[in-house]
Amino acid sequence: MTGQVVSSLRVDGATLHYQVRGEGPLLLLIPGGTGGAASFDGVVEGLAAEYTVATYDPRGMGRSALDDSEAEQTVAQHADDAFRLLELLSPDEPARVFGASSGGIAALHLLTVHSERLERVVVHEPPVVEVLPDAAEHRALIARVQATFQSEGLMPAMAVFAAGLAKDGGVQEPPAEVEIPPEAAARAEQTMADLPYFVGRIVPSFMSYVPDIERLEALSDRLVLAGGEDSRGELPYRPASFLAERFGTELLHFPGGHVGLTTHTEAFGEQIRKAFRV
């Protein structure tokens, strides 16, 4: 498959917008947050030299419209969306999957229920906080975020959320030398448009998800857990670190912090390539 194919796929309750580029074995990139397929724009070209790279907007975000705009969201449903794309784009061969943040949570569930369809799964800082010993504190954080969202609005809720994600509950500051690429800045409008949906329905559902740890441990030979070099100790980093220690596997480090894909795009893409080389 050469060039770029842009299309849509009907799934249960939604229409997924996806794009495919390159040739070779399938590599499905599952975005986190509100960036959608565009969050991978800076790495797709390099990856497409080795893989057929598929990216998409998760249901309810960007160009992937829900049939019911008020529908509740579940990790299982989002993982099934990814599975439908695998079935469409690589029906005869196991695929590789990279998931970032909430997309990493969907990728973990996909591995537990459809392991036979996956060659390798790499997840970068999936915030599966229910695996942590202090999970109760994080449930309380999610509840505070939702209460603030309902009573005060989006930006106050985001402030509560950001403070809770940072190391020791402090204020998370980006490194002074990091300059956000112009193409990332251009996505800000879409990101802001999707934030209410993300905060109101993705965050509480995904961060309350309890992964099947025993099943993941049994599949740990094809699972790569990853964290950011600059986010050690922060909440999104901790579950991957915890699970890697439990499984006795190496925690792979990517450049930058939780949003290293945006702040360190070229180096991040190179690390994705390395992660899939056996």
Protein backbone atom coordinates (compact mmCIF):
# COMPACT_ATOMS: atom_id res chain seq x y z
CA MET A 1 0.00 0.00 0.00
CA THR A 2 1.53 3.29 -1.08
CA GLY A 3 0.52 6.93 -0.85
CA GLN A 4 -2.11 7.93 1.69
CA VAL A 5 -5.62 6.55 1.98
CA VAL A 6 -8.19 8.55 3.93
CA SER A 7 -11.46 6.79 4.67
CA SER A 8 -14.09 5.97 7.28
CA LEU A 9 -15.31 2.83 9.00
CA ARG A 10 -18.72 2.25 10.51
CA VAL A 11 -18.54 0.70 13.96
CA ASP A 12 -21.16 0.19 16.63
CA GLY A 13 -22.44 3.66 17.54
CA ALA A 14 -19.91 5.69 15.59
CA THR A 15 -18.10 6.34 12.32
CA LEU A 16 -14.31 6.27 12.60
CA HIS A 17 -12.19 8.55 10.43
CA TYR A 18 -8.85 6.91 9.63
CA GLN A 19 -5.88 7.30 7.33
CA VAL A 20 -3.28 4.83 6.10
CA ARG A 21 0.18 5.44 4.67
CA GLY A 22 3.18 3.34 3.72
CA GLU A 23 3.65 -0.36 3.11
CA GLY A 24 4.73 -3.37 5.10
CA PRO A 25 3.20 -4.97 8.22
CA LEU A 26 0.42 -2.96 9.85
CA LEU A 27 1.29 -0.55 12.65
CA LEU A 28 -1.81 0.94 14.26
CA LEU A 29 -1.26 4.14 16.26
CA ILE A 30 -3.89 4.84 18.94
CA PRO A 31 -3.82 8.47 20.12
CA GLY A 32 -4.43 9.69 23.63
CA GLY A 33 -5.96 12.91 24.91
CA THR A 34 -7.68 15.04 22.31
CA GLY A 35 -5.02 15.06 19.61
CA GLY A 36 -6.59 12.41 17.40
CA ALA A 37 -4.81 11.08 14.31
CA ALA A 38 -3.14 14.47 13.79
CA SER A 39 -1.04 13.99 16.93
CA PHE A 40 1.01 11.44 14.98
CA ASP A 41 1.54 13.62 11.89
CA GLY A 42 5.17 14.26 12.79
CA VAL A 43 6.12 10.57 13.04
CA VAL A 44 4.01 8.86 10.36
CA GLU A 45 6.33 9.57 7.44
CA GLY A 46 9.33 7.99 9.15
CA LEU A 47 7.36 4.96 10.31
CA ALA A 48 5.77 4.49 6.87
CA ALA A 49 9.18 3.58 5.47
CA GLU A 50 8.87 0.26 7.34
CA TYR A 51 5.17 -0.20 8.02
CA THR A 52 1.68 0.31 6.74
CA VAL A 53 0.83 2.98 9.33
CA ALA A 54 -2.80 3.53 10.31
CA THR A 55 -3.97 6.43 12.47
CA TYR A 56 -7.47 7.47 13.44
CA ASP A 57 -9.58 9.81 15.52
CA PRO A 58 -11.10 7.88 18.45
CA ARG A 59 -14.88 7.85 18.55
CA GLY A 60 -16.37 11.17 19.59
CA MET A 61 -13.24 13.17 18.75
CA GLY A 62 -12.18 15.10 15.69
CA ARG A 63 -13.80 13.64 12.60
CA SER A 64 -15.04 10.39 14.22
CA ALA A 65 -18.64 11.21 15.00
CA LEU A 66 -20.83 9.43 17.53
CA ASP A 67 -24.35 8.41 16.54
CA ASP A 68 -25.46 9.61 19.98
CA SER A 69 -23.40 12.58 21.14
CA GLU A 70 -24.31 11.85 24.77
CA ALA A 71 -23.35 8.17 24.72
CA GLU A 72 -21.25 6.89 27.61
CA GLN A 73 -17.77 5.70 26.71
CA THR A 74 -15.98 2.50 27.73
CA VAL A 75 -12.46 1.19 27.31
CA ALA A 76 -13.84 -2.06 25.87
CA GLN A 77 -15.74 -0.18 23.18
CA HIS A 78 -12.71 1.90 22.19
CA ALA A 79 -10.56 -1.25 22.10
CA ASP A 80 -13.14 -2.90 19.86
CA ASP A 81 -12.90 0.06 17.48
CA ALA A 82 -9.17 -0.61 17.20
CA PHE A 83 -9.87 -4.29 16.63
CA ARG A 84 -12.29 -3.46 13.78
CA LEU A 85 -9.54 -1.44 12.13
CA LEU A 86 -7.11 -4.35 12.49
CA GLU A 87 -9.64 -6.69 10.93
CA LEU A 88 -10.13 -4.31 8.03
CA LEU A 89 -6.50 -3.41 7.37
CA SER A 90 -4.62 -6.60 8.35
CA PRO A 91 -7.12 -9.47 8.21
CA ASP A 92 -4.54 -12.20 7.68
CA GLU A 93 -1.49 -11.09 9.67
CA PRO A 94 -0.95 -10.06 13.31
CA ALA A 95 -0.40 -6.31 13.68
CA ARG A 96 1.71 -4.00 15.80
CA VAL A 97 -0.02 -1.42 17.98
CA PHE A 98 1.27 1.71 19.70
CA GLY A 99 -0.98 3.45 22.22
CA ALA A 100 -0.35 6.75 23.98
CA SER A 101 -1.96 7.70 27.30
CA SER A 102 -5.69 6.85 27.13
CA GLY A 103 -4.92 5.19 23.79
CA GLY A 104 -2.49 3.01 25.71
CA ILE A 105 -5.33 1.89 27.96
CA ALA A 106 -7.37 0.87 24.91
CA ALA A 107 -4.30 -0.97 23.59
CA LEU A 108 -3.90 -2.90 26.87
CA HIS A 109 -7.52 -4.06 26.71
CA LEU A 110 -7.11 -4.95 23.04
CA LEU A 111 -4.16 -7.17 23.95
CA THR A 112 -6.08 -8.95 26.70
CA VAL A 113 -9.04 -9.83 24.44
CA HIS A 114 -7.46 -10.23 20.99
CA SER A 115 -3.88 -11.31 21.64
CA GLU A 116 -3.92 -13.61 18.62
CA ARG A 117 -4.22 -10.53 16.36
CA LEU A 118 -1.20 -8.75 17.80
CA GLU A 119 2.51 -9.17 17.16
CA ARG A 120 3.60 -6.54 19.69
CA VAL A 121 1.96 -3.76 21.70
CA VAL A 122 3.82 -0.68 22.97
CA VAL A 123 2.03 1.55 25.48
CA HIS A 124 3.36 4.94 26.56
CA GLU A 125 2.21 6.07 30.02
CA PRO A 126 -1.26 4.48 30.12
CA PRO A 127 -2.85 5.98 33.27
CA VAL A 128 -4.31 2.70 34.60
CA VAL A 129 -4.14 4.09 38.12
CA GLU A 130 -6.24 1.26 39.58
CA VAL A 131 -3.12 -0.95 39.57
CA LEU A 132 -1.33 1.37 42.01
CA PRO A 133 -1.24 0.80 45.79
CA ASP A 134 -2.64 4.32 46.34
CA ALA A 135 -5.47 3.93 43.80
CA ALA A 136 -8.02 5.36 46.25
CA GLU A 137 -6.27 8.74 46.14
CA HIS A 138 -6.59 8.82 42.36
CA ARG A 139 -10.25 7.88 42.46
CA ALA A 140 -10.70 10.91 44.68
CA LEU A 141 -8.82 13.04 42.14
CA ILE A 142 -11.10 11.90 39.32
CA ALA A 143 -14.14 12.70 41.48
CA ARG A 144 -12.74 16.20 42.20
CA VAL A 145 -12.13 16.80 38.51
CA GLN A 146 -15.69 15.80 37.64
CA ALA A 147 -17.21 17.87 40.46
CA THR A 148 -15.17 20.92 39.42
CA PHE A 149 -16.14 20.41 35.78
CA GLN A 150 -19.83 20.38 36.69
CA SER A 151 -19.72 23.30 39.11
CA GLU A 152 -17.02 25.60 37.71
CA GLY A 153 -16.41 24.57 34.11
CA LEU A 154 -13.70 23.19 31.89
CA MET A 155 -10.58 25.20 32.67
CA PRO A 156 -10.85 24.98 36.48
CA ALA A 157 -11.37 21.24 36.08
CA MET A 158 -8.28 21.02 33.87
CA ALA A 159 -6.26 22.87 36.52
CA VAL A 160 -7.32 20.33 39.16
CA PHE A 161 -6.51 17.49 36.79
CA ALA A 162 -3.06 18.83 35.83
CA ALA A 163 -2.11 19.37 39.46
CA GLY A 164 -3.14 15.80 40.30
CA LEU A 165 -1.09 14.34 37.46
CA ALA A 166 2.10 16.16 38.39
CA LYS A 167 4.75 14.70 40.69
CA ASP A 168 3.74 15.01 44.36
CA GLY A 169 0.61 16.91 43.27
CA GLY A 170 2.64 19.99 42.35
CA VAL A 171 2.22 22.25 39.37
CA GLN A 172 3.54 20.64 36.21
CA GLU A 173 5.75 23.00 34.21
CA PRO A 174 7.10 22.20 30.74
CA PRO A 175 10.88 22.45 30.36
CA ALA A 176 11.83 26.02 29.45
CA GLU A 177 13.77 24.98 26.36
CA VAL A 178 10.87 23.06 24.76
CA GLU A 179 9.34 24.80 21.77
CA ILE A 180 6.02 23.42 20.56
CA PRO A 181 6.15 22.77 16.77
CA PRO A 182 3.94 25.07 14.64
CA GLU A 183 1.87 22.14 13.40
CA ALA A 184 1.06 21.23 17.00
CA ALA A 185 -0.01 24.78 17.74
CA ALA A 186 -2.27 24.65 14.69
CA ARG A 187 -4.14 21.71 16.24
CA ALA A 188 -5.02 23.70 19.36
CA GLU A 189 -8.49 24.68 18.13
CA GLN A 190 -9.57 21.06 17.58
CA THR A 191 -7.97 20.04 20.87
CA MET A 192 -9.98 22.64 22.77
CA ALA A 193 -13.17 21.62 20.99
CA ASP A 194 -12.71 18.01 22.13
CA LEU A 195 -11.68 18.79 25.72
CA PRO A 196 -15.17 18.81 27.30
CA TYR A 197 -15.86 15.35 25.89
CA PHE A 198 -12.44 14.11 27.01
CA VAL A 199 -12.71 15.47 30.55
CA GLY A 200 -16.37 14.57 31.00
CA ARG A 201 -16.47 11.08 29.51
CA ILE A 202 -13.05 9.69 28.66
CA VAL A 203 -11.15 10.59 31.83
CA PRO A 204 -13.60 9.10 34.38
CA SER A 205 -14.20 5.96 32.34
CA PHE A 206 -10.62 5.21 31.33
CA MET A 207 -8.96 6.10 34.64
CA SER A 208 -11.35 3.84 36.52
CA TYR A 209 -10.56 0.91 34.21
CA VAL A 210 -9.09 -2.14 35.97
CA PRO A 211 -6.82 -4.13 33.64
CA ASP A 212 -6.52 -7.91 33.81
CA ILE A 213 -3.03 -7.95 35.30
CA GLU A 214 -2.69 -11.74 35.27
CA ARG A 215 -3.62 -11.88 31.59
CA LEU A 216 -1.21 -9.06 30.75
CA GLU A 217 1.57 -10.79 32.67
CA ALA A 218 0.99 -13.95 30.65
CA LEU A 219 1.32 -11.85 27.48
CA SER A 220 4.24 -9.72 28.68
CA ASP A 221 6.56 -11.16 26.03
CA ARG A 222 4.70 -9.10 23.44
CA LEU A 223 3.98 -6.04 25.61
CA VAL A 224 6.37 -3.10 25.92
CA LEU A 225 5.63 -0.68 28.76
CA ALA A 226 7.05 2.81 28.35
CA GLY A 227 7.40 6.11 30.19
CA GLY A 228 8.83 9.55 29.55
CA GLU A 229 12.36 10.47 30.59
CA ASP A 230 11.06 13.74 32.00
CA SER A 231 7.94 12.42 33.74
CA ARG A 232 9.45 10.01 36.27
CA GLY A 233 7.33 10.03 39.40
CA GLU A 234 4.34 11.74 37.80
CA LEU A 235 1.01 9.93 37.92
CA PRO A 236 0.76 8.85 34.24
CA TYR A 237 4.29 7.38 34.44
CA ARG A 238 3.72 5.31 37.57
CA PRO A 239 1.37 2.56 36.31
CA ALA A 240 3.73 1.57 33.46
CA SER A 241 6.65 1.52 35.89
CA PHE A 242 4.65 -0.49 38.42
CA LEU A 243 3.55 -3.09 35.84
CA ALA A 244 7.02 -3.43 34.31
CA GLU A 245 8.44 -4.17 37.76
CA ARG A 246 5.68 -6.66 38.48
CA PHE A 247 6.17 -8.45 35.16
CA GLY A 248 9.96 -8.40 35.41
CA THR A 249 10.27 -6.54 32.12
CA GLU A 250 12.24 -3.46 31.14
CA LEU A 251 10.50 -0.08 31.23
CA LEU A 252 11.37 1.61 27.94
CA HIS A 253 11.97 5.35 28.18
CA PHE A 254 10.90 7.82 25.51
CA PRO A 255 12.21 11.38 25.15
CA GLY A 256 10.29 14.14 26.90
CA GLY A 257 7.44 13.72 29.33
CA HIS A 258 3.84 12.61 28.96
CA VAL A 259 3.46 14.67 25.77
CA GLY A 260 6.89 13.82 24.36
CA LEU A 261 5.21 12.98 21.05
CA THR A 262 4.52 16.71 20.68
CA THR A 263 7.60 18.22 22.31
CA HIS A 264 10.26 15.77 21.04
CA THR A 265 8.60 14.53 17.85
CA GLU A 266 11.56 13.28 15.81
CA ALA A 267 13.27 11.46 18.68
CA PHE A 268 9.93 10.06 19.84
CA GLY A 269 9.26 8.61 16.39
CA GLU A 270 12.70 6.99 16.35
CA GLN A 271 11.99 5.38 19.71
CA ILE A 272 8.70 3.99 18.37
CA ARG A 273 10.67 2.36 15.55
CA LYS A 274 13.18 0.86 17.99
CA ALA A 275 10.41 -0.47 20.25
CA PHE A 276 9.03 -2.65 17.45
CA ARG A 277 12.36 -4.11 16.41
CA VAL A 278 12.70 -7.51 18.02
